């Protein structure tokens, strides 16, 4: 079925709709993953977005149900140059289009994703509409003007507390859109995890007497959820804290830092990050559009990691308290291996705090 993408800058690109046929409005972003499209579809950080895949062929190994990052996908639409028609992989359980239909997600194919990425990388991310109808100018403007009624975090957080049992170290996780692979990695490190909804109070988190707290990754602008920042501030000085992605940005706000929106964000794999304390270069997975402004960092915080692409803040550590934050996602674990040392560093903070 014929469909078109209409951008805020009035650019119109035509293609074909697939998956669940509906109209979709949201922020248009590009992601540089060459594989891992199902992990991206189920990454809560992609909530509400129209995601453009820069790799030209998507769906070639199908979909399996073991590698999902959350229970349900939260992207609004998937935009690809070409949809693979005959997926081939021993783990394949269904085709991409079937998965999109099952989860009511619109797909758009046959788009010049290279040209679209060039627009987004030079002019910045912007709103877009994918439609199979012919819309008038006034209808288009009305759709662009409709504000979101609910912050993305509240669309992807768990509705109730739950546990991953079996570890010796008790970790409370404030779920702002946490990825399963991050939970799995800490659980394999011997942590018993209690996952809390984003609306939980500091008192509720501290009531389980955790050895440490993880403020998870998640979607959206951290400045839109000041009520969560206030609860995190109440945890400071009472328990070791690790912030990941959005959680890292919220820690920056807790110490009076400022947040800025990137032109087109960091989305995909192979983002180089330098650990300024060890000199090592990390190849990271990222999915965010906001960062802590480097010149706004509190004197209480040490810059520990920076992006080699644009020198933005990728990691912070408190000078005296057991608090650290990382902008990238530390989910690439195999068994008990921790290639970036993030889990070990945080667990070391917990051990040091307990022995103090």
C-alpha atoms as a PDB file:
ATOM      1  CA  UNK A   1       0.000   0.000   0.000  1.00  0.00           C
ATOM      2  CA  UNK A   2       1.310   3.431  -0.956  1.00  0.00           C
ATOM      3  CA  UNK A   3       2.318   5.611   1.999  1.00  0.00           C
ATOM      4  CA  UNK A   4       4.334   8.744   2.589  1.00  0.00           C
ATOM      5  CA  UNK A   5       6.478  10.315   5.267  1.00  0.00           C
ATOM      6  CA  UNK A   6       5.860  14.026   5.854  1.00  0.00           C
ATOM      7  CA  UNK A   7       8.538  15.871   7.824  1.00  0.00           C
ATOM      8  CA  UNK A   8       8.179  19.127   9.750  1.00  0.00           C
ATOM      9  CA  UNK A   9      10.445  20.840   7.217  1.00  0.00           C
ATOM     10  CA  UNK A  10       7.863  20.006   4.490  1.00  0.00           C
ATOM     11  CA  UNK A  11       9.951  17.280   2.877  1.00  0.00           C
ATOM     12  CA  UNK A  12       7.737  14.418   1.637  1.00  0.00           C
ATOM     13  CA  UNK A  13       9.100  10.945   0.830  1.00  0.00           C
ATOM     14  CA  UNK A  14       6.980   8.178  -0.665  1.00  0.00           C
ATOM     15  CA  UNK A  15       7.207   4.448  -0.023  1.00  0.00           C
ATOM     16  CA  UNK A  16       5.048   1.456   0.841  1.00  0.00           C
ATOM     17  CA  UNK A  17       3.376   0.663   4.157  1.00  0.00           C
ATOM     18  CA  UNK A  18       3.744  -2.756   5.757  1.00  0.00           C
ATOM     19  CA  UNK A  19       3.116  -4.247   9.171  1.00  0.00           C
ATOM     20  CA  UNK A  20       0.085  -2.795  10.956  1.00  0.00           C
ATOM     21  CA  UNK A  21      -1.416  -0.176   8.663  1.00  0.00           C
ATOM     22  CA  UNK A  22      -2.270   2.967  10.577  1.00  0.00           C
ATOM     23  CA  UNK A  23      -1.184   6.590  10.815  1.00  0.00           C
ATOM     24  CA  UNK A  24       1.866   7.392  12.939  1.00  0.00           C
ATOM     25  CA  UNK A  25       3.156  10.697  14.299  1.00  0.00           C
ATOM     26  CA  UNK A  26       6.356  11.079  16.286  1.00  0.00           C
ATOM     27  CA  UNK A  27       9.993  12.160  16.379  1.00  0.00           C
ATOM     28  CA  UNK A  28      11.926  10.837  13.383  1.00  0.00           C
ATOM     29  CA  UNK A  29      15.364   9.522  14.384  1.00  0.00           C
ATOM     30  CA  UNK A  30      17.968   7.372  12.684  1.00  0.00           C
ATOM     31  CA  UNK A  31      19.789   4.386  14.135  1.00  0.00           C
ATOM     32  CA  UNK A  32      23.071   3.013  12.789  1.00  0.00           C
ATOM     33  CA  UNK A  33      22.664  -0.618  13.907  1.00  0.00           C
ATOM     34  CA  UNK A  34      23.633  -3.171  11.257  1.00  0.00           C
ATOM     35  CA  UNK A  35      21.821  -5.872  13.230  1.00  0.00           C
ATOM     36  CA  UNK A  36      19.775  -6.087  16.420  1.00  0.00           C
ATOM     37  CA  UNK A  37      16.610  -4.574  14.961  1.00  0.00           C
ATOM     38  CA  UNK A  38      14.394  -6.573  17.315  1.00  0.00           C
ATOM     39  CA  UNK A  39      16.410  -5.367  20.329  1.00  0.00           C
ATOM     40  CA  UNK A  40      15.924  -1.819  19.039  1.00  0.00           C
ATOM     41  CA  UNK A  41      12.181  -2.299  18.509  1.00  0.00           C
ATOM     42  CA  UNK A  42      11.829  -3.436  22.128  1.00  0.00           C
ATOM     43  CA  UNK A  43      14.250  -0.899  23.649  1.00  0.00           C
ATOM     44  CA  UNK A  44      12.074   1.418  25.783  1.00  0.00           C
ATOM     45  CA  UNK A  45      14.414   4.300  24.871  1.00  0.00           C
ATOM     46  CA  UNK A  46      12.758   4.255  21.418  1.00  0.00           C
ATOM     47  CA  UNK A  47       9.302   4.927  22.855  1.00  0.00           C
ATOM     48  CA  UNK A  48       7.091   6.981  20.534  1.00  0.00           C
ATOM     49  CA  UNK A  49       9.691   7.391  17.786  1.00  0.00           C
ATOM     50  CA  UNK A  50       9.631   6.805  14.051  1.00  0.00           C
ATOM     51  CA  UNK A  51      12.937   4.943  13.734  1.00  0.00           C
ATOM     52  CA  UNK A  52      14.923   5.037  10.499  1.00  0.00           C
ATOM     53  CA  UNK A  53      17.357   2.155  10.009  1.00  0.00           C
ATOM     54  CA  UNK A  54      20.483   3.262   8.135  1.00  0.00           C
ATOM     55  CA  UNK A  55      21.401  -0.324   7.229  1.00  0.00           C
ATOM     56  CA  UNK A  56      19.584  -0.996   3.934  1.00  0.00           C
ATOM     57  CA  UNK A  57      18.209  -4.533   4.456  1.00  0.00           C
ATOM     58  CA  UNK A  58      16.182  -5.202   7.610  1.00  0.00           C
ATOM     59  CA  UNK A  59      14.493  -8.448   8.640  1.00  0.00           C
ATOM     60  CA  UNK A  60      16.959 -10.871   7.052  1.00  0.00           C
ATOM     61  CA  UNK A  61      17.192 -13.144  10.112  1.00  0.00           C
ATOM     62  CA  UNK A  62      13.590 -12.714  11.215  1.00  0.00           C
ATOM     63  CA  UNK A  63      12.411 -12.439  14.808  1.00  0.00           C
ATOM     64  CA  UNK A  64      12.994 -14.697  17.800  1.00  0.00           C
ATOM     65  CA  UNK A  65      11.300 -14.300  21.154  1.00  0.00           C
ATOM     66  CA  UNK A  66      14.406 -14.695  23.339  1.00  0.00           C
ATOM     67  CA  UNK A  67      16.259 -11.471  22.545  1.00  0.00           C
ATOM     68  CA  UNK A  68      13.615  -8.894  23.416  1.00  0.00           C
ATOM     69  CA  UNK A  69      14.662  -5.990  25.638  1.00  0.00           C
ATOM     70  CA  UNK A  70      11.185  -5.479  27.075  1.00  0.00           C
ATOM     71  CA  UNK A  71       7.857  -7.253  27.084  1.00  0.00           C
ATOM     72  CA  UNK A  72       6.375  -5.111  24.325  1.00  0.00           C
ATOM     73  CA  UNK A  73       7.864  -2.818  21.652  1.00  0.00           C
ATOM     74  CA  UNK A  74       7.244   0.886  22.131  1.00  0.00           C
ATOM     75  CA  UNK A  75       8.404   2.384  18.817  1.00  0.00           C
ATOM     76  CA  UNK A  76       5.680   4.063  16.813  1.00  0.00           C
ATOM     77  CA  UNK A  77       6.974   3.118  13.363  1.00  0.00           C
ATOM     78  CA  UNK A  78       9.930   1.467  11.627  1.00  0.00           C
ATOM     79  CA  UNK A  79      11.329   2.989   8.413  1.00  0.00           C
ATOM     80  CA  UNK A  80      13.571   0.853   6.177  1.00  0.00           C
ATOM     81  CA  UNK A  81      14.999   0.949   2.678  1.00  0.00           C
ATOM     82  CA  UNK A  82      14.202  -2.707   2.046  1.00  0.00           C
ATOM     83  CA  UNK A  83      12.311  -5.369   3.990  1.00  0.00           C
ATOM     84  CA  UNK A  84      13.782  -8.863   3.687  1.00  0.00           C
ATOM     85  CA  UNK A  85      11.200 -11.198   2.163  1.00  0.00           C
ATOM     86  CA  UNK A  86      12.784 -14.542   3.061  1.00  0.00           C
ATOM     87  CA  UNK A  87      14.415 -14.457   6.516  1.00  0.00           C
ATOM     88  CA  UNK A  88      16.875 -17.245   7.223  1.00  0.00           C
ATOM     89  CA  UNK A  89      18.226 -18.127  10.665  1.00  0.00           C
ATOM     90  CA  UNK A  90      17.974 -21.216  12.852  1.00  0.00           C
ATOM     91  CA  UNK A  91      16.459 -19.094  15.647  1.00  0.00           C
ATOM     92  CA  UNK A  92      13.861 -17.404  13.427  1.00  0.00           C
ATOM     93  CA  UNK A  93      10.325 -17.807  14.798  1.00  0.00           C
ATOM     94  CA  UNK A  94       8.476 -15.269  12.672  1.00  0.00           C
ATOM     95  CA  UNK A  95       8.983 -12.656   9.984  1.00  0.00           C
ATOM     96  CA  UNK A  96       9.471  -8.966  10.755  1.00  0.00           C
ATOM     97  CA  UNK A  97       6.163  -7.954   9.185  1.00  0.00           C
ATOM     98  CA  UNK A  98       4.268 -10.524  11.249  1.00  0.00           C
ATOM     99  CA  UNK A  99       5.855  -9.159  14.413  1.00  0.00           C
ATOM    100  CA  UNK A 100       4.933  -5.587  13.464  1.00  0.00           C
ATOM    101  CA  UNK A 101       1.349  -6.632  12.761  1.00  0.00           C
ATOM    102  CA  UNK A 102       1.123  -8.535  16.030  1.00  0.00           C
ATOM    103  CA  UNK A 103       2.262  -5.478  17.969  1.00  0.00           C
ATOM    104  CA  UNK A 104       0.334  -2.875  15.939  1.00  0.00           C
ATOM    105  CA  UNK A 105       3.446  -1.119  14.630  1.00  0.00           C
ATOM    106  CA  UNK A 106       3.525   0.614  11.253  1.00  0.00           C
ATOM    107  CA  UNK A 107       6.349  -0.111   8.835  1.00  0.00           C
ATOM    108  CA  UNK A 108       7.424   2.040   5.895  1.00  0.00           C
ATOM    109  CA  UNK A 109       9.720   0.605   3.203  1.00  0.00           C
ATOM    110  CA  UNK A 110      11.081   1.719  -0.139  1.00  0.00           C
ATOM    111  CA  UNK A 111      12.282   5.009   1.357  1.00  0.00           C
ATOM    112  CA  UNK A 112      15.672   6.487   0.449  1.00  0.00           C
ATOM    113  CA  UNK A 113      16.950   6.127   4.006  1.00  0.00           C
ATOM    114  CA  UNK A 114      20.343   7.494   3.020  1.00  0.00           C
ATOM    115  CA  UNK A 115      18.821  10.805   1.904  1.00  0.00           C
ATOM    116  CA  UNK A 116      16.544  10.862   4.955  1.00  0.00           C
ATOM    117  CA  UNK A 117      19.482  10.297   7.304  1.00  0.00           C
ATOM    118  CA  UNK A 118      21.364  13.141   5.643  1.00  0.00           C
ATOM    119  CA  UNK A 119      18.415  15.466   6.318  1.00  0.00           C
ATOM    120  CA  UNK A 120      18.218  14.439   9.981  1.00  0.00           C
ATOM    121  CA  UNK A 121      21.983  14.637  10.527  1.00  0.00           C
ATOM    122  CA  UNK A 122      22.222  18.172   9.109  1.00  0.00           C
ATOM    123  CA  UNK A 123      18.908  19.692  10.212  1.00  0.00           C
ATOM    124  CA  UNK A 124      18.351  17.626  13.359  1.00  0.00           C
ATOM    125  CA  UNK A 125      15.655  15.221  14.433  1.00  0.00           C
ATOM    126  CA  UNK A 126      12.149  16.470  13.834  1.00  0.00           C
ATOM    127  CA  UNK A 127       8.549  15.353  13.947  1.00  0.00           C
ATOM    128  CA  UNK A 128       7.133  13.323  11.122  1.00  0.00           C
ATOM    129  CA  UNK A 129       3.872  11.784   9.968  1.00  0.00           C
ATOM    130  CA  UNK A 130       3.524   8.494   8.117  1.00  0.00           C
ATOM    131  CA  UNK A 131       0.163   8.264   6.418  1.00  0.00           C
ATOM    132  CA  UNK A 132      -1.641   6.393   3.660  1.00  0.00           C
ATOM    133  CA  UNK A 133      -4.055   9.320   3.243  1.00  0.00           C
ATOM    134  CA  UNK A 134      -3.760  12.645   1.451  1.00  0.00           C
ATOM    135  CA  UNK A 135      -3.682  15.246   4.223  1.00  0.00           C
ATOM    136  CA  UNK A 136      -4.349  18.960   3.849  1.00  0.00           C
ATOM    137  CA  UNK A 137      -1.838  21.501   5.156  1.00  0.00           C
ATOM    138  CA  UNK A 138      -4.085  22.331   8.103  1.00  0.00           C
ATOM    139  CA  UNK A 139      -4.479  18.640   9.009  1.00  0.00           C
ATOM    140  CA  UNK A 140      -0.714  18.193   8.930  1.00  0.00           C
ATOM    141  CA  UNK A 141      -0.123  21.192  11.188  1.00  0.00           C
ATOM    142  CA  UNK A 142      -2.795  20.013  13.617  1.00  0.00           C
ATOM    143  CA  UNK A 143      -1.126  16.616  13.925  1.00  0.00           C
ATOM    144  CA  UNK A 144       2.281  18.185  14.531  1.00  0.00           C
ATOM    145  CA  UNK A 145       0.799  20.499  17.179  1.00  0.00           C
ATOM    146  CA  UNK A 146      -0.781  17.770  19.335  1.00  0.00           C
ATOM    147  CA  UNK A 147       1.313  17.507  22.538  1.00  0.00           C
ATOM    148  CA  UNK A 148       2.099  14.205  24.215  1.00  0.00           C
ATOM    149  CA  UNK A 149      -0.225  13.669  27.170  1.00  0.00           C
ATOM    150  CA  UNK A 150       2.166  11.433  29.099  1.00  0.00           C
ATOM    151  CA  UNK A 151       5.949  11.532  29.560  1.00  0.00           C
ATOM    152  CA  UNK A 152       7.543   8.567  27.738  1.00  0.00           C
ATOM    153  CA  UNK A 153       8.975   7.182  30.997  1.00  0.00           C
ATOM    154  CA  UNK A 154       5.472   6.614  32.346  1.00  0.00           C
ATOM    155  CA  UNK A 155       4.539   4.715  29.179  1.00  0.00           C
ATOM    156  CA  UNK A 156       7.340   2.153  29.544  1.00  0.00           C
ATOM    157  CA  UNK A 157       7.930   1.693  33.290  1.00  0.00           C
ATOM    158  CA  UNK A 158       6.672  -1.367  35.125  1.00  0.00           C
ATOM    159  CA  UNK A 159       3.244  -1.002  36.709  1.00  0.00           C
ATOM    160  CA  UNK A 160       4.246  -2.843  39.875  1.00  0.00           C
ATOM    161  CA  UNK A 161       7.316  -3.964  41.772  1.00  0.00           C
ATOM    162  CA  UNK A 162       8.874  -7.335  40.902  1.00  0.00           C
ATOM    163  CA  UNK A 163      12.066  -9.295  41.619  1.00  0.00           C
ATOM    164  CA  UNK A 164      14.870 -11.241  40.002  1.00  0.00           C
ATOM    165  CA  UNK A 165      15.769 -13.461  42.942  1.00  0.00           C
ATOM    166  CA  UNK A 166      18.819 -15.534  43.759  1.00  0.00           C
ATOM    167  CA  UNK A 167      21.737 -13.156  44.326  1.00  0.00           C
ATOM    168  CA  UNK A 168      23.705 -12.155  47.400  1.00  0.00           C
ATOM    169  CA  UNK A 169      23.870  -8.406  46.707  1.00  0.00           C
ATOM    170  CA  UNK A 170      20.540  -6.595  46.964  1.00  0.00           C
ATOM    171  CA  UNK A 171      20.046  -4.022  44.206  1.00  0.00           C
ATOM    172  CA  UNK A 172      17.000  -1.766  43.809  1.00  0.00           C
ATOM    173  CA  UNK A 173      16.338  -0.743  40.195  1.00  0.00           C
ATOM    174  CA  UNK A 174      14.248   2.349  39.472  1.00  0.00           C
ATOM    175  CA  UNK A 175      12.680   1.348  36.155  1.00  0.00           C
ATOM    176  CA  UNK A 176      12.552   4.306  33.779  1.00  0.00           C
ATOM    177  CA  UNK A 177      12.550   1.925  30.819  1.00  0.00           C
ATOM    178  CA  UNK A 178      15.153  -0.639  31.801  1.00  0.00           C
ATOM    179  CA  UNK A 179      16.462  -3.152  29.251  1.00  0.00           C
ATOM    180  CA  UNK A 180      16.315  -6.841  30.142  1.00  0.00           C
ATOM    181  CA  UNK A 181      19.934  -7.341  29.108  1.00  0.00           C
ATOM    182  CA  UNK A 182      21.053  -4.872  31.786  1.00  0.00           C
ATOM    183  CA  UNK A 183      19.050  -6.714  34.426  1.00  0.00           C
ATOM    184  CA  UNK A 184      20.421 -10.016  33.161  1.00  0.00           C
ATOM    185  CA  UNK A 185      23.988  -8.765  33.354  1.00  0.00           C
ATOM    186  CA  UNK A 186      23.738  -7.687  36.992  1.00  0.00           C
ATOM    187  CA  UNK A 187      21.843 -10.829  37.923  1.00  0.00           C
ATOM    188  CA  UNK A 188      24.657 -12.923  36.461  1.00  0.00           C
ATOM    189  CA  UNK A 189      27.041 -10.940  38.633  1.00  0.00           C
ATOM    190  CA  UNK A 190      25.299 -12.263  41.737  1.00  0.00           C
ATOM    191  CA  UNK A 191      22.780  -9.490  42.349  1.00  0.00           C
ATOM    192  CA  UNK A 192      19.220  -9.962  43.571  1.00  0.00           C
ATOM    193  CA  UNK A 193      17.211  -7.289  41.807  1.00  0.00           C
ATOM    194  CA  UNK A 194      14.044  -5.558  42.968  1.00  0.00           C
ATOM    195  CA  UNK A 195      12.591  -3.487  40.144  1.00  0.00           C
ATOM    196  CA  UNK A 196      10.464  -0.481  41.129  1.00  0.00           C
ATOM    197  CA  UNK A 197       8.036   1.608  39.039  1.00  0.00           C
ATOM    198  CA  UNK A 198       9.298   5.069  38.046  1.00  0.00           C
ATOM    199  CA  UNK A 199       6.698   6.639  40.355  1.00  0.00           C
ATOM    200  CA  UNK A 200       8.156   4.968  43.464  1.00  0.00           C
ATOM    201  CA  UNK A 201       9.269   7.193  46.323  1.00  0.00           C
ATOM    202  CA  UNK A 202      12.752   7.169  47.815  1.00  0.00           C
ATOM    203  CA  UNK A 203      11.211   5.828  51.030  1.00  0.00           C
ATOM    204  CA  UNK A 204       9.753   2.825  49.177  1.00  0.00           C
ATOM    205  CA  UNK A 205      13.127   2.060  47.598  1.00  0.00           C
ATOM    206  CA  UNK A 206      15.053   2.403  50.860  1.00  0.00           C
ATOM    207  CA  UNK A 207      12.483   0.263  52.710  1.00  0.00           C
ATOM    208  CA  UNK A 208      13.979  -2.926  51.231  1.00  0.00           C
ATOM    209  CA  UNK A 209      17.410  -1.855  52.555  1.00  0.00           C
ATOM    210  CA  UNK A 210      19.230  -2.301  49.230  1.00  0.00           C
ATOM    211  CA  UNK A 211      23.011  -2.507  49.021  1.00  0.00           C
ATOM    212  CA  UNK A 212      22.818  -0.252  45.963  1.00  0.00           C
ATOM    213  CA  UNK A 213      20.412   1.494  43.602  1.00  0.00           C
ATOM    214  CA  UNK A 214      20.409   1.580  39.799  1.00  0.00           C
ATOM    215  CA  UNK A 215      18.591   4.447  38.081  1.00  0.00           C
ATOM    216  CA  UNK A 216      17.888   2.860  34.716  1.00  0.00           C
ATOM    217  CA  UNK A 217      17.982   3.951  31.111  1.00  0.00           C
ATOM    218  CA  UNK A 218      14.799   5.260  29.543  1.00  0.00           C
ATOM    219  CA  UNK A 219      13.257   7.557  26.930  1.00  0.00           C
ATOM    220  CA  UNK A 220      12.680  11.272  26.703  1.00  0.00           C
ATOM    221  CA  UNK A 221      13.888  14.559  28.141  1.00  0.00           C
ATOM    222  CA  UNK A 222      14.954  14.297  31.804  1.00  0.00           C
ATOM    223  CA  UNK A 223      13.780  17.858  32.416  1.00  0.00           C
ATOM    224  CA  UNK A 224      10.180  16.695  31.915  1.00  0.00           C
ATOM    225  CA  UNK A 225      10.200  14.436  34.996  1.00  0.00           C
ATOM    226  CA  UNK A 226      11.279  16.704  37.908  1.00  0.00           C
ATOM    227  CA  UNK A 227       9.257  14.608  40.354  1.00  0.00           C
ATOM    228  CA  UNK A 228      11.593  11.658  39.726  1.00  0.00           C
ATOM    229  CA  UNK A 229      14.677  13.859  40.119  1.00  0.00           C
ATOM    230  CA  UNK A 230      13.408  14.957  43.546  1.00  0.00           C
ATOM    231  CA  UNK A 231      13.083  11.348  44.720  1.00  0.00           C
ATOM    232  CA  UNK A 232      16.563  10.478  43.457  1.00  0.00           C
ATOM    233  CA  UNK A 233      17.975  13.444  45.397  1.00  0.00           C
ATOM    234  CA  UNK A 234      16.610  11.847  48.581  1.00  0.00           C
ATOM    235  CA  UNK A 235      18.715   8.732  47.884  1.00  0.00           C
ATOM    236  CA  UNK A 236      21.998  10.626  47.618  1.00  0.00           C
ATOM    237  CA  UNK A 237      24.307   9.934  50.543  1.00  0.00           C
ATOM    238  CA  UNK A 238      22.187   7.038  51.778  1.00  0.00           C
ATOM    239  CA  UNK A 239      23.081   4.282  49.311  1.00  0.00           C
ATOM    240  CA  UNK A 240      25.521   3.702  46.400  1.00  0.00           C
ATOM    241  CA  UNK A 241      23.934   4.768  43.088  1.00  0.00           C
ATOM    242  CA  UNK A 242      24.560   3.921  39.432  1.00  0.00           C
ATOM    243  CA  UNK A 243      22.758   5.938  36.761  1.00  0.00           C
ATOM    244  CA  UNK A 244      22.510   4.545  33.226  1.00  0.00           C
ATOM    245  CA  UNK A 245      21.428   6.614  30.216  1.00  0.00           C
ATOM    246  CA  UNK A 246      18.453   8.687  31.366  1.00  0.00           C
ATOM    247  CA  UNK A 247      19.397   7.774  34.953  1.00  0.00           C
ATOM    248  CA  UNK A 248      22.854   9.275  34.367  1.00  0.00           C
ATOM    249  CA  UNK A 249      21.262  12.499  33.092  1.00  0.00           C
ATOM    250  CA  UNK A 250      18.983  12.681  36.137  1.00  0.00           C
ATOM    251  CA  UNK A 251      22.030  12.379  38.408  1.00  0.00           C
ATOM    252  CA  UNK A 252      23.485  15.373  36.570  1.00  0.00           C
ATOM    253  CA  UNK A 253      20.305  17.331  37.326  1.00  0.00           C
ATOM    254  CA  UNK A 254      20.503  16.278  40.979  1.00  0.00           C
ATOM    255  CA  UNK A 255      23.849  18.087  41.161  1.00  0.00           C
ATOM    256  CA  UNK A 256      22.501  21.219  39.435  1.00  0.00           C
ATOM    257  CA  UNK A 257      23.793  20.337  35.984  1.00  0.00           C
ATOM    258  CA  UNK A 258      22.097  21.391  32.764  1.00  0.00           C
ATOM    259  CA  UNK A 259      20.726  19.231  29.962  1.00  0.00           C
ATOM    260  CA  UNK A 260      21.002  19.924  26.242  1.00  0.00           C
ATOM    261  CA  UNK A 261      19.408  18.235  23.255  1.00  0.00           C
ATOM    262  CA  UNK A 262      21.771  16.843  20.637  1.00  0.00           C
ATOM    263  CA  UNK A 263      21.212  17.732  16.993  1.00  0.00           C
ATOM    264  CA  UNK A 264      20.487  14.135  15.970  1.00  0.00           C
ATOM    265  CA  UNK A 265      21.369  12.094  19.056  1.00  0.00           C
ATOM    266  CA  UNK A 266      23.545   9.033  19.601  1.00  0.00           C
ATOM    267  CA  UNK A 267      21.654   5.982  18.402  1.00  0.00           C
ATOM    268  CA  UNK A 268      23.227   2.702  17.398  1.00  0.00           C
ATOM    269  CA  UNK A 269      26.312   0.627  18.050  1.00  0.00           C
ATOM    270  CA  UNK A 270      30.035   1.335  17.724  1.00  0.00           C
ATOM    271  CA  UNK A 271      29.973   4.745  19.434  1.00  0.00           C
ATOM    272  CA  UNK A 272      33.567   5.270  20.676  1.00  0.00           C
ATOM    273  CA  UNK A 273      33.898   6.427  24.278  1.00  0.00           C
ATOM    274  CA  UNK A 274      37.137   7.144  26.117  1.00  0.00           C
ATOM    275  CA  UNK A 275      37.538   6.195  29.762  1.00  0.00           C
ATOM    276  CA  UNK A 276      39.498   9.213  30.975  1.00  0.00           C
ATOM    277  CA  UNK A 277      40.650   7.397  34.112  1.00  0.00           C
ATOM    278  CA  UNK A 278      42.201   4.389  32.342  1.00  0.00           C
ATOM    279  CA  UNK A 279      42.799   5.731  28.843  1.00  0.00           C
ATOM    280  CA  UNK A 280      40.907   2.794  27.317  1.00  0.00           C
ATOM    281  CA  UNK A 281      38.547   3.228  24.371  1.00  0.00           C
ATOM    282  CA  UNK A 282      35.143   1.556  24.695  1.00  0.00           C
ATOM    283  CA  UNK A 283      32.912   0.647  21.741  1.00  0.00           C
ATOM    284  CA  UNK A 284      29.436   1.298  23.090  1.00  0.00           C
ATOM    285  CA  UNK A 285      25.726   0.913  22.414  1.00  0.00           C
ATOM    286  CA  UNK A 286      23.723   4.133  22.744  1.00  0.00           C
ATOM    287  CA  UNK A 287      20.151   5.324  22.232  1.00  0.00           C
ATOM    288  CA  UNK A 288      19.557   8.864  23.455  1.00  0.00           C
ATOM    289  CA  UNK A 289      18.966  12.411  22.303  1.00  0.00           C
ATOM    290  CA  UNK A 290      19.997  14.384  25.410  1.00  0.00           C
ATOM    291  CA  UNK A 291      23.245  14.850  27.333  1.00  0.00           C
ATOM    292  CA  UNK A 292      24.554  16.645  30.403  1.00  0.00           C
ATOM    293  CA  UNK A 293      26.183  19.919  29.384  1.00  0.00           C
ATOM    294  CA  UNK A 294      29.875  19.516  30.003  1.00  0.00           C
ATOM    295  CA  UNK A 295      30.447  23.070  31.280  1.00  0.00           C
ATOM    296  CA  UNK A 296      27.604  22.681  33.788  1.00  0.00           C
ATOM    297  CA  UNK A 297      29.159  19.775  35.706  1.00  0.00           C
ATOM    298  CA  UNK A 298      29.241  20.382  39.428  1.00  0.00           C
ATOM    299  CA  UNK A 299      32.649  20.616  41.123  1.00  0.00           C
ATOM    300  CA  UNK A 300      31.455  17.627  43.175  1.00  0.00           C
ATOM    301  CA  UNK A 301      31.542  15.456  40.046  1.00  0.00           C
ATOM    302  CA  UNK A 302      34.461  14.066  38.047  1.00  0.00           C
ATOM    303  CA  UNK A 303      34.155  13.544  34.290  1.00  0.00           C
ATOM    304  CA  UNK A 304      35.146   9.891  33.775  1.00  0.00           C
ATOM    305  CA  UNK A 305      34.084   9.178  30.175  1.00  0.00           C
ATOM    306  CA  UNK A 306      33.674  11.287  27.052  1.00  0.00           C
ATOM    307  CA  UNK A 307      32.515  10.672  23.498  1.00  0.00           C
ATOM    308  CA  UNK A 308      35.311  10.624  20.944  1.00  0.00           C
ATOM    309  CA  UNK A 309      32.873  11.781  18.249  1.00  0.00           C
ATOM    310  CA  UNK A 310      31.674  15.019  19.844  1.00  0.00           C
ATOM    311  CA  UNK A 311      33.357  15.132  23.303  1.00  0.00           C
ATOM    312  CA  UNK A 312      30.008  15.025  25.116  1.00  0.00           C
ATOM    313  CA  UNK A 313      29.715  13.706  28.676  1.00  0.00           C
ATOM    314  CA  UNK A 314      29.535   9.897  28.762  1.00  0.00           C
ATOM    315  CA  UNK A 315      30.372   9.196  32.399  1.00  0.00           C
ATOM    316  CA  UNK A 316      30.566  10.902  35.795  1.00  0.00           C
ATOM    317  CA  UNK A 317      31.642   9.976  39.322  1.00  0.00           C
ATOM    318  CA  UNK A 318      31.152  11.765  42.629  1.00  0.00           C
ATOM    319  CA  UNK A 319      34.374  12.867  44.333  1.00  0.00           C
ATOM    320  CA  UNK A 320      33.476  11.497  47.751  1.00  0.00           C
ATOM    321  CA  UNK A 321      30.172   9.597  47.598  1.00  0.00           C
ATOM    322  CA  UNK A 322      29.655   6.149  45.982  1.00  0.00           C
ATOM    323  CA  UNK A 323      27.792   7.566  42.982  1.00  0.00           C
ATOM    324  CA  UNK A 324      28.534   7.072  39.295  1.00  0.00           C
ATOM    325  CA  UNK A 325      26.717   7.512  35.985  1.00  0.00           C
ATOM    326  CA  UNK A 326      27.254   6.347  32.411  1.00  0.00           C
ATOM    327  CA  UNK A 327      25.482   7.573  29.298  1.00  0.00           C
ATOM    328  CA  UNK A 328      25.937   4.376  27.265  1.00  0.00           C
ATOM    329  CA  UNK A 329      24.221   1.011  27.817  1.00  0.00           C
ATOM    330  CA  UNK A 330      26.357  -1.698  29.490  1.00  0.00           C
ATOM    331  CA  UNK A 331      24.356  -4.672  28.244  1.00  0.00           C
ATOM    332  CA  UNK A 332      26.905  -6.535  26.116  1.00  0.00           C
ATOM    333  CA  UNK A 333      27.610  -9.305  28.588  1.00  0.00           C
ATOM    334  CA  UNK A 334      28.437 -12.929  27.833  1.00  0.00           C
ATOM    335  CA  UNK A 335      28.002 -15.071  30.927  1.00  0.00           C
ATOM    336  CA  UNK A 336      29.917 -13.373  33.718  1.00  0.00           C
ATOM    337  CA  UNK A 337      32.171 -11.310  31.429  1.00  0.00           C
ATOM    338  CA  UNK A 338      31.938  -7.539  31.921  1.00  0.00           C
ATOM    339  CA  UNK A 339      33.899  -6.019  29.029  1.00  0.00           C
ATOM    340  CA  UNK A 340      33.625  -2.416  30.219  1.00  0.00           C
ATOM    341  CA  UNK A 341      33.999  -3.032  33.952  1.00  0.00           C
ATOM    342  CA  UNK A 342      30.882  -1.004  34.823  1.00  0.00           C
ATOM    343  CA  UNK A 343      29.201  -3.695  36.924  1.00  0.00           C
ATOM    344  CA  UNK A 344      32.448  -4.534  38.706  1.00  0.00           C
ATOM    345  CA  UNK A 345      33.134  -0.860  39.415  1.00  0.00           C
ATOM    346  CA  UNK A 346      29.660  -0.319  40.850  1.00  0.00           C
ATOM    347  CA  UNK A 347      29.785  -3.510  42.915  1.00  0.00           C
ATOM    348  CA  UNK A 348      33.217  -2.402  44.134  1.00  0.00           C
ATOM    349  CA  UNK A 349      31.637   0.892  45.255  1.00  0.00           C
ATOM    350  CA  UNK A 350      29.031  -1.095  47.170  1.00  0.00           C
ATOM    351  CA  UNK A 351      31.711  -3.197  48.839  1.00  0.00           C
ATOM    352  CA  UNK A 352      33.715  -0.123  49.760  1.00  0.00           C
ATOM    353  CA  UNK A 353      30.631   1.579  51.160  1.00  0.00           C
ATOM    354  CA  UNK A 354      29.780  -1.474  53.293  1.00  0.00           C
ATOM    355  CA  UNK A 355      33.327  -1.650  54.642  1.00  0.00           C
ATOM    356  CA  UNK A 356      33.555   2.059  55.408  1.00  0.00           C
END
